[in-house]
Amino acid sequence: MATADNDGAQTIEELQARYQKLQQEKIRAEANRENAEKQLSELKEEARETYGTDDIEELRKKLKEMRAENEKKRADYQAHLEKIESDLSEVEAKFGGDEPDGGEG
């Protein structure tokens, strides 16, 4: 097997080994690209089935709307609970003092 000269020139064997390494990297990269494209296609189909679109801007808009709706529902729920607590406090204030020892007996 020949060796590289002092001027940095590589032997044919070294060049072939480099080529083989690059060829393997190319094959891996192509396989990764194919897998990524397949996954993207599947996710787009899922988005179309679930949300009626696979357009990223439309999906962002839908997400913003969903978050706003969730926040409204959360705020309504909180207000409802606070109203229940307020009403309960009124009832306790009105009727809680009538029973000695806190109603236990």
PDB file of N, CA and C in Angstrom:
ATOM      1  N   MET A   1       0.846  -1.182   0.000  1.00  0.00           N
ATOM      2  CA  MET A   1       0.000   0.000   0.000  1.00  0.00           C
ATOM      3  C   MET A   1       0.889   1.242   0.000  1.00  0.00           C
ATOM      4  N   ALA A   2       0.593   2.163  -0.872  1.00  0.00           N
ATOM      5  CA  ALA A   2       1.398   3.368  -0.985  1.00  0.00           C
ATOM      6  C   ALA A   2       1.021   4.349   0.110  1.00  0.00           C
ATOM      7  N   THR A   3       1.955   5.211   0.487  1.00  0.00           N
ATOM      8  CA  THR A   3       1.699   6.199   1.523  1.00  0.00           C
ATOM      9  C   THR A   3       1.637   7.582   0.898  1.00  0.00           C
ATOM     10  N   ALA A   4       1.113   8.508   1.662  1.00  0.00           N
ATOM     11  CA  ALA A   4       0.995   9.879   1.175  1.00  0.00           C
ATOM     12  C   ALA A   4       2.369  10.524   1.102  1.00  0.00           C
ATOM     13  N   ASP A   5       2.551  11.342   0.101  1.00  0.00           N
ATOM     14  CA  ASP A   5       3.795  12.093  -0.029  1.00  0.00           C
ATOM     15  C   ASP A   5       3.828  13.195   1.017  1.00  0.00           C
ATOM     16  N   ASN A   6       4.981  13.795   1.187  1.00  0.00           N
ATOM     17  CA  ASN A   6       5.134  14.884   2.140  1.00  0.00           C
ATOM     18  C   ASN A   6       4.357  16.126   1.751  1.00  0.00           C
ATOM     19  N   ASP A   7       4.004  16.243   0.467  1.00  0.00           N
ATOM     20  CA  ASP A   7       3.301  17.441   0.017  1.00  0.00           C
ATOM     21  C   ASP A   7       1.782  17.362   0.273  1.00  0.00           C
ATOM     22  N   GLY A   8       1.296  16.359   0.986  1.00  0.00           N
ATOM     23  CA  GLY A   8      -0.109  16.252   1.342  1.00  0.00           C
ATOM     24  C   GLY A   8      -0.933  15.448   0.355  1.00  0.00           C
ATOM     25  N   ALA A   9      -0.349  14.939  -0.680  1.00  0.00           N
ATOM     26  CA  ALA A   9      -1.082  14.124  -1.647  1.00  0.00           C
ATOM     27  C   ALA A   9      -1.435  12.791  -1.012  1.00  0.00           C
ATOM     28  N   GLN A  10      -2.659  12.342  -1.282  1.00  0.00           N
ATOM     29  CA  GLN A  10      -3.103  11.081  -0.707  1.00  0.00           C
ATOM     30  C   GLN A  10      -2.971   9.955  -1.718  1.00  0.00           C
ATOM     31  N   THR A  11      -2.819   8.748  -1.194  1.00  0.00           N
ATOM     32  CA  THR A  11      -2.738   7.581  -2.069  1.00  0.00           C
ATOM     33  C   THR A  11      -4.129   7.257  -2.585  1.00  0.00           C
ATOM     34  N   ILE A  12      -4.168   6.428  -3.595  1.00  0.00           N
ATOM     35  CA  ILE A  12      -5.459   6.026  -4.168  1.00  0.00           C
ATOM     36  C   ILE A  12      -6.294   5.281  -3.123  1.00  0.00           C
ATOM     37  N   GLU A  13      -5.637   4.494  -2.283  1.00  0.00           N
ATOM     38  CA  GLU A  13      -6.350   3.768  -1.242  1.00  0.00           C
ATOM     39  C   GLU A  13      -6.984   4.727  -0.228  1.00  0.00           C
ATOM     40  N   GLU A  14      -6.232   5.746   0.139  1.00  0.00           N
ATOM     41  CA  GLU A  14      -6.758   6.743   1.078  1.00  0.00           C
ATOM     42  C   GLU A  14      -7.930   7.505   0.465  1.00  0.00           C
ATOM     43  N   LEU A  15      -7.816   7.830  -0.802  1.00  0.00           N
ATOM     44  CA  LEU A  15      -8.905   8.518  -1.490  1.00  0.00           C
ATOM     45  C   LEU A  15     -10.143   7.625  -1.594  1.00  0.00           C
ATOM     46  N   GLN A  16      -9.940   6.347  -1.870  1.00  0.00           N
ATOM     47  CA  GLN A  16     -11.060   5.411  -1.958  1.00  0.00           C
ATOM     48  C   GLN A  16     -11.744   5.262  -0.596  1.00  0.00           C
ATOM     49  N   ALA A  17     -10.959   5.226   0.465  1.00  0.00           N
ATOM     50  CA  ALA A  17     -11.519   5.117   1.812  1.00  0.00           C
ATOM     51  C   ALA A  17     -12.336   6.371   2.138  1.00  0.00           C
ATOM     52  N   ARG A  18     -11.815   7.527   1.769  1.00  0.00           N
ATOM     53  CA  ARG A  18     -12.570   8.773   1.986  1.00  0.00           C
ATOM     54  C   ARG A  18     -13.878   8.748   1.202  1.00  0.00           C
ATOM     55  N   TYR A  19     -13.802   8.274  -0.041  1.00  0.00           N
ATOM     56  CA  TYR A  19     -14.995   8.209  -0.879  1.00  0.00           C
ATOM     57  C   TYR A  19     -16.035   7.279  -0.248  1.00  0.00           C
ATOM     58  N   GLN A  20     -15.597   6.132   0.217  1.00  0.00           N
ATOM     59  CA  GLN A  20     -16.525   5.175   0.830  1.00  0.00           C
ATOM     60  C   GLN A  20     -17.196   5.778   2.072  1.00  0.00           C
ATOM     61  N   LYS A  21     -16.414   6.470   2.869  1.00  0.00           N
ATOM     62  CA  LYS A  21     -16.958   7.113   4.063  1.00  0.00           C
ATOM     63  C   LYS A  21     -18.004   8.160   3.679  1.00  0.00           C
ATOM     64  N   LEU A  22     -17.686   8.972   2.686  1.00  0.00           N
ATOM     65  CA  LEU A  22     -18.632   9.990   2.232  1.00  0.00           C
ATOM     66  C   LEU A  22     -19.883   9.354   1.621  1.00  0.00           C
ATOM     67  N   GLN A  23     -19.700   8.264   0.917  1.00  0.00           N
ATOM     68  CA  GLN A  23     -20.839   7.561   0.311  1.00  0.00           C
ATOM     69  C   GLN A  23     -21.778   7.037   1.402  1.00  0.00           C
ATOM     70  N   GLN A  24     -21.214   6.487   2.464  1.00  0.00           N
ATOM     71  CA  GLN A  24     -22.035   5.999   3.581  1.00  0.00           C
ATOM     72  C   GLN A  24     -22.776   7.150   4.267  1.00  0.00           C
ATOM     73  N   GLU A  25     -22.098   8.276   4.442  1.00  0.00           N
ATOM     74  CA  GLU A  25     -22.745   9.448   5.044  1.00  0.00           C
ATOM     75  C   GLU A  25     -23.882   9.949   4.160  1.00  0.00           C
ATOM     76  N   LYS A  26     -23.674   9.906   2.846  1.00  0.00           N
ATOM     77  CA  LYS A  26     -24.718  10.322   1.909  1.00  0.00           C
ATOM     78  C   LYS A  26     -25.932   9.410   2.025  1.00  0.00           C
ATOM     79  N   ILE A  27     -25.706   8.118   2.113  1.00  0.00           N
ATOM     80  CA  ILE A  27     -26.815   7.157   2.225  1.00  0.00           C
ATOM     81  C   ILE A  27     -27.590   7.406   3.514  1.00  0.00           C
ATOM     82  N   ARG A  28     -26.880   7.619   4.618  1.00  0.00           N
ATOM     83  CA  ARG A  28     -27.549   7.904   5.894  1.00  0.00           C
ATOM     84  C   ARG A  28     -28.351   9.202   5.817  1.00  0.00           C
ATOM     85  N   ALA A  29     -27.768  10.224   5.215  1.00  0.00           N
ATOM     86  CA  ALA A  29     -28.445  11.517   5.096  1.00  0.00           C
ATOM     87  C   ALA A  29     -29.708  11.391   4.247  1.00  0.00           C
ATOM     88  N   GLU A  30     -29.634  10.635   3.170  1.00  0.00           N
ATOM     89  CA  GLU A  30     -30.814  10.431   2.323  1.00  0.00           C
ATOM     90  C   GLU A  30     -31.906   9.670   3.067  1.00  0.00           C
ATOM     91  N   ALA A  31     -31.507   8.671   3.846  1.00  0.00           N
ATOM     92  CA  ALA A  31     -32.486   7.912   4.628  1.00  0.00           C
ATOM     93  C   ALA A  31     -33.140   8.808   5.675  1.00  0.00           C
ATOM     94  N   ASN A  32     -32.344   9.640   6.322  1.00  0.00           N
ATOM     95  CA  ASN A  32     -32.892  10.579   7.315  1.00  0.00           C
ATOM     96  C   ASN A  32     -33.856  11.558   6.660  1.00  0.00           C
ATOM     97  N   ARG A  33     -33.504  12.045   5.476  1.00  0.00           N
ATOM     98  CA  ARG A  33     -34.371  12.979   4.747  1.00  0.00           C
ATOM     99  C   ARG A  33     -35.684  12.304   4.378  1.00  0.00           C
ATOM    100  N   GLU A  34     -35.599  11.073   3.880  1.00  0.00           N
ATOM    101  CA  GLU A  34     -36.809  10.341   3.509  1.00  0.00           C
ATOM    102  C   GLU A  34     -37.704  10.118   4.727  1.00  0.00           C
ATOM    103  N   ASN A  35     -37.114   9.754   5.853  1.00  0.00           N
ATOM    104  CA  ASN A  35     -37.899   9.554   7.075  1.00  0.00           C
ATOM    105  C   ASN A  35     -38.544  10.861   7.526  1.00  0.00           C
ATOM    106  N   ALA A  36     -37.799  11.955   7.447  1.00  0.00           N
ATOM    107  CA  ALA A  36     -38.339  13.256   7.854  1.00  0.00           C
ATOM    108  C   ALA A  36     -39.485  13.672   6.938  1.00  0.00           C
ATOM    109  N   GLU A  37     -39.332  13.444   5.629  1.00  0.00           N
ATOM    110  CA  GLU A  37     -40.396  13.786   4.685  1.00  0.00           C
ATOM    111  C   GLU A  37     -41.643  12.940   4.932  1.00  0.00           C
ATOM    112  N   LYS A  38     -41.453  11.669   5.230  1.00  0.00           N
ATOM    113  CA  LYS A  38     -42.585  10.781   5.516  1.00  0.00           C
ATOM    114  C   LYS A  38     -43.304  11.249   6.783  1.00  0.00           C
ATOM    115  N   GLN A  39     -42.539  11.571   7.821  1.00  0.00           N
ATOM    116  CA  GLN A  39     -43.128  12.032   9.077  1.00  0.00           C
ATOM    117  C   GLN A  39     -43.870  13.351   8.874  1.00  0.00           C
ATOM    118  N   LEU A  40     -43.281  14.258   8.104  1.00  0.00           N
ATOM    119  CA  LEU A  40     -43.943  15.530   7.811  1.00  0.00           C
ATOM    120  C   LEU A  40     -45.256  15.290   7.080  1.00  0.00           C
ATOM    121  N   SER A  41     -45.244  14.399   6.113  1.00  0.00           N
ATOM    122  CA  SER A  41     -46.457  14.087   5.359  1.00  0.00           C
ATOM    123  C   SER A  41     -47.537  13.523   6.277  1.00  0.00           C
ATOM    124  N   GLU A  42     -47.148  12.629   7.182  1.00  0.00           N
ATOM    125  CA  GLU A  42     -48.103  12.048   8.124  1.00  0.00           C
ATOM    126  C   GLU A  42     -48.670  13.111   9.068  1.00  0.00           C
ATOM    127  N   LEU A  43     -47.810  14.004   9.545  1.00  0.00           N
ATOM    128  CA  LEU A  43     -48.264  15.067  10.444  1.00  0.00           C
ATOM    129  C   LEU A  43     -49.177  16.055   9.730  1.00  0.00           C
ATOM    130  N   LYS A  44     -48.883  16.347   8.472  1.00  0.00           N
ATOM    131  CA  LYS A  44     -49.755  17.233   7.702  1.00  0.00           C
ATOM    132  C   LYS A  44     -51.128  16.594   7.511  1.00  0.00           C
ATOM    133  N   GLU A  45     -51.149  15.311   7.214  1.00  0.00           N
ATOM    134  CA  GLU A  45     -52.424  14.610   7.051  1.00  0.00           C
ATOM    135  C   GLU A  45     -53.211  14.622   8.352  1.00  0.00           C
ATOM    136  N   GLU A  46     -52.537  14.387   9.456  1.00  0.00           N
ATOM    137  CA  GLU A  46     -53.186  14.420  10.769  1.00  0.00           C
ATOM    138  C   GLU A  46     -53.750  15.815  11.056  1.00  0.00           C
ATOM    139  N   ALA A  47     -52.996  16.840  10.725  1.00  0.00           N
ATOM    140  CA  ALA A  47     -53.464  18.215  10.939  1.00  0.00           C
ATOM    141  C   ALA A  47     -54.690  18.505  10.076  1.00  0.00           C
ATOM    142  N   ARG A  48     -54.683  18.048   8.826  1.00  0.00           N
ATOM    143  CA  ARG A  48     -55.845  18.267   7.950  1.00  0.00           C
ATOM    144  C   ARG A  48     -57.080  17.558   8.497  1.00  0.00           C
ATOM    145  N   GLU A  49     -56.896  16.335   8.995  1.00  0.00           N
ATOM    146  CA  GLU A  49     -58.026  15.587   9.544  1.00  0.00           C
ATOM    147  C   GLU A  49     -58.552  16.223  10.824  1.00  0.00           C
ATOM    148  N   THR A  50     -57.659  16.683  11.678  1.00  0.00           N
ATOM    149  CA  THR A  50     -58.045  17.214  12.978  1.00  0.00           C
ATOM    150  C   THR A  50     -58.520  18.659  12.909  1.00  0.00           C
ATOM    151  N   TYR A  51     -57.793  19.490  12.162  1.00  0.00           N
ATOM    152  CA  TYR A  51     -58.045  20.932  12.176  1.00  0.00           C
ATOM    153  C   TYR A  51     -58.519  21.498  10.844  1.00  0.00           C
ATOM    154  N   GLY A  52     -58.596  20.652   9.828  1.00  0.00           N
ATOM    155  CA  GLY A  52     -59.093  21.107   8.539  1.00  0.00           C
ATOM    156  C   GLY A  52     -58.066  21.811   7.672  1.00  0.00           C
ATOM    157  N   THR A  53     -56.833  21.869   8.109  1.00  0.00           N
ATOM    158  CA  THR A  53     -55.769  22.513   7.336  1.00  0.00           C
ATOM    159  C   THR A  53     -54.413  22.004   7.803  1.00  0.00           C
ATOM    160  N   ASP A  54     -53.430  22.143   6.902  1.00  0.00           N
ATOM    161  CA  ASP A  54     -52.048  21.862   7.305  1.00  0.00           C
ATOM    162  C   ASP A  54     -51.184  23.107   7.112  1.00  0.00           C
ATOM    163  N   ASP A  55     -51.842  24.240   6.824  1.00  0.00           N
ATOM    164  CA  ASP A  55     -51.140  25.512   6.668  1.00  0.00           C
ATOM    165  C   ASP A  55     -50.681  26.005   8.040  1.00  0.00           C
ATOM    166  N   ILE A  56     -49.398  26.253   8.174  1.00  0.00           N
ATOM    167  CA  ILE A  56     -48.818  26.602   9.477  1.00  0.00           C
ATOM    168  C   ILE A  56     -49.409  27.893  10.036  1.00  0.00           C
ATOM    169  N   GLU A  57     -49.657  28.872   9.201  1.00  0.00           N
ATOM    170  CA  GLU A  57     -50.229  30.132   9.690  1.00  0.00           C
ATOM    171  C   GLU A  57     -51.670  29.933  10.160  1.00  0.00           C
ATOM    172  N   GLU A  58     -52.426  29.131   9.434  1.00  0.00           N
ATOM    173  CA  GLU A  58     -53.796  28.828   9.858  1.00  0.00           C
ATOM    174  C   GLU A  58     -53.793  28.066  11.177  1.00  0.00           C
ATOM    175  N   LEU A  59     -52.858  27.130  11.320  1.00  0.00           N
ATOM    176  CA  LEU A  59     -52.762  26.366  12.571  1.00  0.00           C
ATOM    177  C   LEU A  59     -52.383  27.273  13.731  1.00  0.00           C
ATOM    178  N   ARG A  60     -51.491  28.225  13.499  1.00  0.00           N
ATOM    179  CA  ARG A  60     -51.120  29.183  14.552  1.00  0.00           C
ATOM    180  C   ARG A  60     -52.336  30.015  14.955  1.00  0.00           C
ATOM    181  N   LYS A  61     -53.105  30.434  13.971  1.00  0.00           N
ATOM    182  CA  LYS A  61     -54.308  31.212  14.238  1.00  0.00           C
ATOM    183  C   LYS A  61     -55.300  30.393  15.066  1.00  0.00           C
ATOM    184  N   LYS A  62     -55.496  29.133  14.679  1.00  0.00           N
ATOM    185  CA  LYS A  62     -56.403  28.259  15.428  1.00  0.00           C
ATOM    186  C   LYS A  62     -55.908  28.055  16.858  1.00  0.00           C
ATOM    187  N   LEU A  63     -54.598  27.888  17.020  1.00  0.00           N
ATOM    188  CA  LEU A  63     -54.031  27.711  18.351  1.00  0.00           C
ATOM    189  C   LEU A  63     -54.281  28.945  19.209  1.00  0.00           C
ATOM    190  N   LYS A  64     -54.094  30.119  18.629  1.00  0.00           N
ATOM    191  CA  LYS A  64     -54.335  31.363  19.355  1.00  0.00           C
ATOM    192  C   LYS A  64     -55.802  31.455  19.778  1.00  0.00           C
ATOM    193  N   GLU A  65     -56.708  31.093  18.878  1.00  0.00           N
ATOM    194  CA  GLU A  65     -58.134  31.114  19.191  1.00  0.00           C
ATOM    195  C   GLU A  65     -58.471  30.112  20.302  1.00  0.00           C
ATOM    196  N   MET A  66     -57.879  28.927  20.225  1.00  0.00           N
ATOM    197  CA  MET A  66     -58.133  27.901  21.238  1.00  0.00           C
ATOM    198  C   MET A  66     -57.627  28.345  22.606  1.00  0.00           C
ATOM    199  N   ARG A  67     -56.460  28.968  22.623  1.00  0.00           N
ATOM    200  CA  ARG A  67     -55.914  29.456  23.896  1.00  0.00           C
ATOM    201  C   ARG A  67     -56.802  30.544  24.480  1.00  0.00           C
ATOM    202  N   ALA A  68     -57.303  31.442  23.626  1.00  0.00           N
ATOM    203  CA  ALA A  68     -58.188  32.503  24.102  1.00  0.00           C
ATOM    204  C   ALA A  68     -59.482  31.908  24.653  1.00  0.00           C
ATOM    205  N   GLU A  69     -60.021  30.917  23.964  1.00  0.00           N
ATOM    206  CA  GLU A  69     -61.245  30.264  24.428  1.00  0.00           C
ATOM    207  C   GLU A  69     -61.007  29.552  25.769  1.00  0.00           C
ATOM    208  N   ASN A  70     -59.883  28.879  25.881  1.00  0.00           N
ATOM    209  CA  ASN A  70     -59.556  28.203  27.141  1.00  0.00           C
ATOM    210  C   ASN A  70     -59.403  29.200  28.285  1.00  0.00           C
ATOM    211  N   GLU A  71     -58.775  30.332  28.018  1.00  0.00           N
ATOM    212  CA  GLU A  71     -58.598  31.350  29.051  1.00  0.00           C
ATOM    213  C   GLU A  71     -59.956  31.901  29.488  1.00  0.00           C
ATOM    214  N   LYS A  72     -60.857  32.110  28.539  1.00  0.00           N
ATOM    215  CA  LYS A  72     -62.199  32.595  28.879  1.00  0.00           C
ATOM    216  C   LYS A  72     -62.921  31.565  29.753  1.00  0.00           C
ATOM    217  N   LYS A  73     -62.848  30.309  29.369  1.00  0.00           N
ATOM    218  CA  LYS A  73     -63.496  29.253  30.158  1.00  0.00           C
ATOM    219  C   LYS A  73     -62.895  29.179  31.562  1.00  0.00           C
ATOM    220  N   ARG A  74     -61.575  29.309  31.653  1.00  0.00           N
ATOM    221  CA  ARG A  74     -60.918  29.267  32.958  1.00  0.00           C
ATOM    222  C   ARG A  74     -61.375  30.431  33.827  1.00  0.00           C
ATOM    223  N   ALA A  75     -61.424  31.628  33.243  1.00  0.00           N
ATOM    224  CA  ALA A  75     -61.843  32.817  33.992  1.00  0.00           C
ATOM    225  C   ALA A  75     -63.298  32.689  34.432  1.00  0.00           C
ATOM    226  N   ASP A  76     -64.157  32.171  33.546  1.00  0.00           N
ATOM    227  CA  ASP A  76     -65.563  31.953  33.907  1.00  0.00           C
ATOM    228  C   ASP A  76     -65.681  30.953  35.054  1.00  0.00           C
ATOM    229  N   TYR A  77     -64.900  29.886  34.984  1.00  0.00           N
ATOM    230  CA  TYR A  77     -64.923  28.864  36.026  1.00  0.00           C
ATOM    231  C   TYR A  77     -64.461  29.454  37.357  1.00  0.00           C
ATOM    232  N   GLN A  78     -63.393  30.243  37.324  1.00  0.00           N
ATOM    233  CA  GLN A  78     -62.896  30.888  38.536  1.00  0.00           C
ATOM    234  C   GLN A  78     -63.959  31.813  39.117  1.00  0.00           C
ATOM    235  N   ALA A  79     -64.599  32.613  38.282  1.00  0.00           N
ATOM    236  CA  ALA A  79     -65.647  33.519  38.759  1.00  0.00           C
ATOM    237  C   ALA A  79     -66.808  32.735  39.364  1.00  0.00           C
ATOM    238  N   HIS A  80     -67.146  31.615  38.742  1.00  0.00           N
ATOM    239  CA  HIS A  80     -68.226  30.779  39.261  1.00  0.00           C
ATOM    240  C   HIS A  80     -67.871  30.233  40.650  1.00  0.00           C
ATOM    241  N   LEU A  81     -66.655  29.750  40.801  1.00  0.00           N
ATOM    242  CA  LEU A  81     -66.224  29.228  42.103  1.00  0.00           C
ATOM    243  C   LEU A  81     -66.201  30.331  43.154  1.00  0.00           C
ATOM    244  N   GLU A  82     -65.740  31.510  42.777  1.00  0.00           N
ATOM    245  CA  GLU A  82     -65.713  32.628  43.720  1.00  0.00           C
ATOM    246  C   GLU A  82     -67.125  33.018  44.143  1.00  0.00           C
ATOM    247  N   LYS A  83     -68.086  32.944  43.218  1.00  0.00           N
ATOM    248  CA  LYS A  83     -69.487  33.238  43.545  1.00  0.00           C
ATOM    249  C   LYS A  83     -70.034  32.197  44.526  1.00  0.00           C
ATOM    250  N   ILE A  84     -69.714  30.937  44.287  1.00  0.00           N
ATOM    251  CA  ILE A  84     -70.160  29.874  45.197  1.00  0.00           C
ATOM    252  C   ILE A  84     -69.583  30.107  46.588  1.00  0.00           C
ATOM    253  N   GLU A  85     -68.293  30.414  46.664  1.00  0.00           N
ATOM    254  CA  GLU A  85     -67.657  30.677  47.960  1.00  0.00           C
ATOM    255  C   GLU A  85     -68.283  31.883  48.654  1.00  0.00           C
ATOM    256  N   SER A  86     -68.578  32.910  47.881  1.00  0.00           N
ATOM    257  CA  SER A  86     -69.203  34.104  48.444  1.00  0.00           C
ATOM    258  C   SER A  86     -70.588  33.785  48.999  1.00  0.00           C
ATOM    259  N   ASP A  87     -71.365  33.056  48.203  1.00  0.00           N
ATOM    260  CA  ASP A  87     -72.710  32.670  48.648  1.00  0.00           C
ATOM    261  C   ASP A  87     -72.639  31.792  49.891  1.00  0.00           C
ATOM    262  N   LEU A  88     -71.684  30.879  49.904  1.00  0.00           N
ATOM    263  CA  LEU A  88     -71.524  29.995  51.056  1.00  0.00           C
ATOM    264  C   LEU A  88     -71.139  30.794  52.297  1.00  0.00           C
ATOM    265  N   SER A  89     -70.272  31.773  52.132  1.00  0.00           N
ATOM    266  CA  SER A  89     -69.889  32.620  53.261  1.00  0.00           C
ATOM    267  C   SER A  89     -71.090  33.379  53.808  1.00  0.00           C
ATOM    268  N   GLU A  90     -71.944  33.858  52.909  1.00  0.00           N
ATOM    269  CA  GLU A  90     -73.154  34.555  53.341  1.00  0.00           C
ATOM    270  C   GLU A  90     -74.067  33.627  54.136  1.00  0.00           C
ATOM    271  N   VAL A  91     -74.224  32.412  53.648  1.00  0.00           N
ATOM    272  CA  VAL A  91     -75.071  31.436  54.347  1.00  0.00           C
ATOM    273  C   VAL A  91     -74.479  31.113  55.706  1.00  0.00           C
ATOM    274  N   GLU A  92     -73.179  30.899  55.771  1.00  0.00           N
ATOM    275  CA  GLU A  92     -72.532  30.595  57.041  1.00  0.00           C
ATOM    276  C   GLU A  92     -72.654  31.760  58.011  1.00  0.00           C
ATOM    277  N   ALA A  93     -72.525  32.975  57.489  1.00  0.00           N
ATOM    278  CA  ALA A  93     -72.646  34.153  58.355  1.00  0.00           C
ATOM    279  C   ALA A  93     -74.066  34.290  58.880  1.00  0.00           C
ATOM    280  N   LYS A  94     -75.016  33.967  58.047  1.00  0.00           N
ATOM    281  CA  LYS A  94     -76.420  34.111  58.426  1.00  0.00           C
ATOM    282  C   LYS A  94     -76.862  33.009  59.373  1.00  0.00           C
ATOM    283  N   PHE A  95     -76.450  31.781  59.102  1.00  0.00           N
ATOM    284  CA  PHE A  95     -76.951  30.651  59.879  1.00  0.00           C
ATOM    285  C   PHE A  95     -75.888  30.003  60.762  1.00  0.00           C
ATOM    286  N   GLY A  96     -74.648  30.331  60.563  1.00  0.00           N
ATOM    287  CA  GLY A  96     -73.564  29.686  61.304  1.00  0.00           C
ATOM    288  C   GLY A  96     -73.559  30.036  62.770  1.00  0.00           C
ATOM    289  N   GLY A  97     -74.007  31.210  63.154  1.00  0.00           N
ATOM    290  CA  GLY A  97     -73.992  31.640  64.535  1.00  0.00           C
ATOM    291  C   GLY A  97     -75.104  31.065  65.370  1.00  0.00           C
ATOM    292  N   ASP A  98     -76.088  30.428  64.753  1.00  0.00           N
ATOM    293  CA  ASP A  98     -77.248  29.898  65.479  1.00  0.00           C
ATOM    294  C   ASP A  98     -76.928  28.622  66.224  1.00  0.00           C
ATOM    295  N   GLU A  99     -75.900  27.882  65.798  1.00  0.00           N
ATOM    296  CA  GLU A  99     -75.597  26.600  66.428  1.00  0.00           C
ATOM    297  C   GLU A  99     -74.383  26.750  67.317  1.00  0.00           C
ATOM    298  N   PRO A 100     -74.498  26.342  68.613  1.00  0.00           N
ATOM    299  CA  PRO A 100     -73.338  26.431  69.505  1.00  0.00           C
ATOM    300  C   PRO A 100     -72.267  25.428  69.094  1.00  0.00           C
ATOM    301  N   ASP A 101     -71.029  25.732  69.456  1.00  0.00           N
ATOM    302  CA  ASP A 101     -69.877  24.869  69.182  1.00  0.00           C
ATOM    303  C   ASP A 101     -69.742  24.522  67.707  1.00  0.00           C
ATOM    304  N   GLY A 102     -70.076  25.421  66.832  1.00  0.00           N
ATOM    305  CA  GLY A 102     -69.877  25.218  65.418  1.00  0.00           C
ATOM    306  C   GLY A 102     -70.782  24.162  64.827  1.00  0.00           C
ATOM    307  N   GLY A 103     -71.895  23.830  65.463  1.00  0.00           N
ATOM    308  CA  GLY A 103     -72.846  22.897  64.889  1.00  0.00           C
ATOM    309  C   GLY A 103     -72.626  21.455  65.317  1.00  0.00           C
ATOM    310  N   GLU A 104     -71.615  21.197  66.091  1.00  0.00           N
ATOM    311  CA  GLU A 104     -71.377  19.815  66.533  1.00  0.00           C
ATOM    312  C   GLU A 104     -72.081  19.593  67.861  1.00  0.00           C
ATOM    313  N   GLY A 105     -72.632  18.415  68.055  1.00  0.00           N
ATOM    314  CA  GLY A 105     -73.284  18.305  69.327  1.00  0.00           C
ATOM    315  C   GLY A 105     -73.588  16.969  69.717  1.00  0.00           C
TER     316      GLY A 105
END
